[in-house]
Amino acid sequence: MTEYVRGLVVRARAGHDKGDFLAVLETGDGWAIIADGKRRPLTKPKRKKLIHLAPTGTVLSEEQMETNRKLRNALRSFMEKG
């Protein structure tokens, strides 16, 4: 099982954001706090169960997660591939 760490890029497998790529901001007991910089800005992240997330194996740097704009730009390459 993949360890969910801050900056890990994940793909939502369920819910309204199914198929979207998001970044993990923090994790808790079976949950992750995620944001994408657009629909889910850093100031209003979403709490989602880990079972509903598919890790990509890529971890963003703290610099890439400083602002919503930088976060969107970092996730853009995943959107184009997916």
C-alpha atoms as a PDB file:
ATOM      1  CA  MET A   1       0.000   0.000   0.000  1.00  0.00           C
ATOM      2  CA  THR A   2       1.267   3.446  -0.912  1.00  0.00           C
ATOM      3  CA  GLU A   3       2.054   5.864   1.874  1.00  0.00           C
ATOM      4  CA  TYR A   4      -0.007   9.026   1.560  1.00  0.00           C
ATOM      5  CA  VAL A   5       2.325  11.942   2.198  1.00  0.00           C
ATOM      6  CA  ARG A   6       1.969  15.695   1.736  1.00  0.00           C
ATOM      7  CA  GLY A   7       2.271  16.570  -1.957  1.00  0.00           C
ATOM      8  CA  LEU A   8       1.308  13.153  -3.319  1.00  0.00           C
ATOM      9  CA  VAL A   9      -0.692  13.489  -6.532  1.00  0.00           C
ATOM     10  CA  VAL A  10      -3.817  11.314  -6.466  1.00  0.00           C
ATOM     11  CA  ARG A  11      -6.728  10.619  -8.791  1.00  0.00           C
ATOM     12  CA  ALA A  12     -10.236  10.599  -7.351  1.00  0.00           C
ATOM     13  CA  ARG A  13     -11.947   7.241  -7.939  1.00  0.00           C
ATOM     14  CA  ALA A  14     -15.390   8.212  -6.591  1.00  0.00           C
ATOM     15  CA  GLY A  15     -17.613  11.219  -5.980  1.00  0.00           C
ATOM     16  CA  HIS A  16     -18.231  14.458  -7.846  1.00  0.00           C
ATOM     17  CA  ASP A  17     -14.520  14.837  -8.527  1.00  0.00           C
ATOM     18  CA  LYS A  18     -14.114  11.327  -9.997  1.00  0.00           C
ATOM     19  CA  GLY A  19     -11.225  11.258 -12.481  1.00  0.00           C
ATOM     20  CA  ASP A  20      -9.747  14.552 -11.278  1.00  0.00           C
ATOM     21  CA  PHE A  21      -6.149  14.855 -10.129  1.00  0.00           C
ATOM     22  CA  LEU A  22      -5.574  16.447  -6.744  1.00  0.00           C
ATOM     23  CA  ALA A  23      -2.718  16.882  -4.273  1.00  0.00           C
ATOM     24  CA  VAL A  24      -2.714  15.569  -0.711  1.00  0.00           C
ATOM     25  CA  LEU A  25      -2.278  18.344   1.851  1.00  0.00           C
ATOM     26  CA  GLU A  26      -2.418  16.131   4.932  1.00  0.00           C
ATOM     27  CA  THR A  27      -3.630  12.723   6.040  1.00  0.00           C
ATOM     28  CA  GLY A  28      -5.462  11.388   9.026  1.00  0.00           C
ATOM     29  CA  ASP A  29      -7.011   8.135  10.178  1.00  0.00           C
ATOM     30  CA  GLY A  30      -8.199   6.720   6.831  1.00  0.00           C
ATOM     31  CA  TRP A  31      -8.756  10.192   5.375  1.00  0.00           C
ATOM     32  CA  ALA A  32      -6.823  12.672   3.242  1.00  0.00           C
ATOM     33  CA  ILE A  33      -7.259  16.415   2.876  1.00  0.00           C
ATOM     34  CA  ILE A  34      -6.939  17.197  -0.851  1.00  0.00           C
ATOM     35  CA  ALA A  35      -6.964  20.263  -3.108  1.00  0.00           C
ATOM     36  CA  ASP A  36      -6.550  21.019  -6.812  1.00  0.00           C
ATOM     37  CA  GLY A  37      -6.146  24.814  -6.746  1.00  0.00           C
ATOM     38  CA  LYS A  38      -9.327  25.463  -8.749  1.00  0.00           C
ATOM     39  CA  ARG A  39     -12.580  23.822  -7.658  1.00  0.00           C
ATOM     40  CA  ARG A  40     -10.881  22.887  -4.390  1.00  0.00           C
ATOM     41  CA  PRO A  41      -8.538  25.765  -3.482  1.00  0.00           C
ATOM     42  CA  LEU A  42      -5.934  25.499  -0.743  1.00  0.00           C
ATOM     43  CA  THR A  43      -8.153  27.602   1.529  1.00  0.00           C
ATOM     44  CA  LYS A  44     -11.119  25.207   1.133  1.00  0.00           C
ATOM     45  CA  PRO A  45      -9.735  21.682   0.686  1.00  0.00           C
ATOM     46  CA  LYS A  46     -11.829  18.506   0.592  1.00  0.00           C
ATOM     47  CA  ARG A  47     -11.719  15.610   3.068  1.00  0.00           C
ATOM     48  CA  LYS A  48     -11.861  12.277   1.263  1.00  0.00           C
ATOM     49  CA  LYS A  49     -11.464   8.640   2.280  1.00  0.00           C
ATOM     50  CA  LEU A  50      -8.213   7.034   1.158  1.00  0.00           C
ATOM     51  CA  ILE A  51     -10.131   4.137  -0.420  1.00  0.00           C
ATOM     52  CA  HIS A  52     -11.582   6.644  -2.923  1.00  0.00           C
ATOM     53  CA  LEU A  53      -8.129   7.849  -4.028  1.00  0.00           C
ATOM     54  CA  ALA A  54      -5.676   6.276  -6.477  1.00  0.00           C
ATOM     55  CA  PRO A  55      -2.066   7.414  -5.862  1.00  0.00           C
ATOM     56  CA  THR A  56       0.047   8.268  -8.913  1.00  0.00           C
ATOM     57  CA  GLY A  57       3.423   7.895  -7.221  1.00  0.00           C
ATOM     58  CA  THR A  58       4.408  11.509  -7.926  1.00  0.00           C
ATOM     59  CA  VAL A  59       5.063  13.868  -5.020  1.00  0.00           C
ATOM     60  CA  LEU A  60       4.961  17.641  -5.551  1.00  0.00           C
ATOM     61  CA  SER A  61       7.460  19.922  -3.839  1.00  0.00           C
ATOM     62  CA  GLU A  62       6.410  22.438  -1.196  1.00  0.00           C
ATOM     63  CA  GLU A  63       7.161  25.207  -3.707  1.00  0.00           C
ATOM     64  CA  GLN A  64       4.646  23.729  -6.178  1.00  0.00           C
ATOM     65  CA  MET A  65       2.003  23.797  -3.447  1.00  0.00           C
ATOM     66  CA  GLU A  66       2.553  27.388  -2.249  1.00  0.00           C
ATOM     67  CA  THR A  67      -0.357  28.963  -4.138  1.00  0.00           C
ATOM     68  CA  ASN A  68      -3.436  27.811  -6.023  1.00  0.00           C
ATOM     69  CA  ARG A  69      -1.865  28.915  -9.313  1.00  0.00           C
ATOM     70  CA  LYS A  70       1.327  26.911  -8.736  1.00  0.00           C
ATOM     71  CA  LEU A  71      -0.728  23.892  -7.698  1.00  0.00           C
ATOM     72  CA  ARG A  72      -2.900  24.090 -10.848  1.00  0.00           C
ATOM     73  CA  ASN A  73       0.208  24.364 -13.026  1.00  0.00           C
ATOM     74  CA  ALA A  74       1.801  21.346 -11.326  1.00  0.00           C
ATOM     75  CA  LEU A  75      -1.343  19.253 -11.834  1.00  0.00           C
ATOM     76  CA  ARG A  76      -1.870  20.393 -15.443  1.00  0.00           C
ATOM     77  CA  SER A  77       0.488  17.758 -16.891  1.00  0.00           C
ATOM     78  CA  PHE A  78      -1.596  15.008 -15.240  1.00  0.00           C
ATOM     79  CA  MET A  79      -4.811  16.436 -16.667  1.00  0.00           C
ATOM     80  CA  GLU A  80      -3.344  16.377 -20.175  1.00  0.00           C
ATOM     81  CA  LYS A  81      -2.211  12.741 -19.838  1.00  0.00           C
ATOM     82  CA  GLY A  82      -5.363  11.469 -18.161  1.00  0.00           C
END
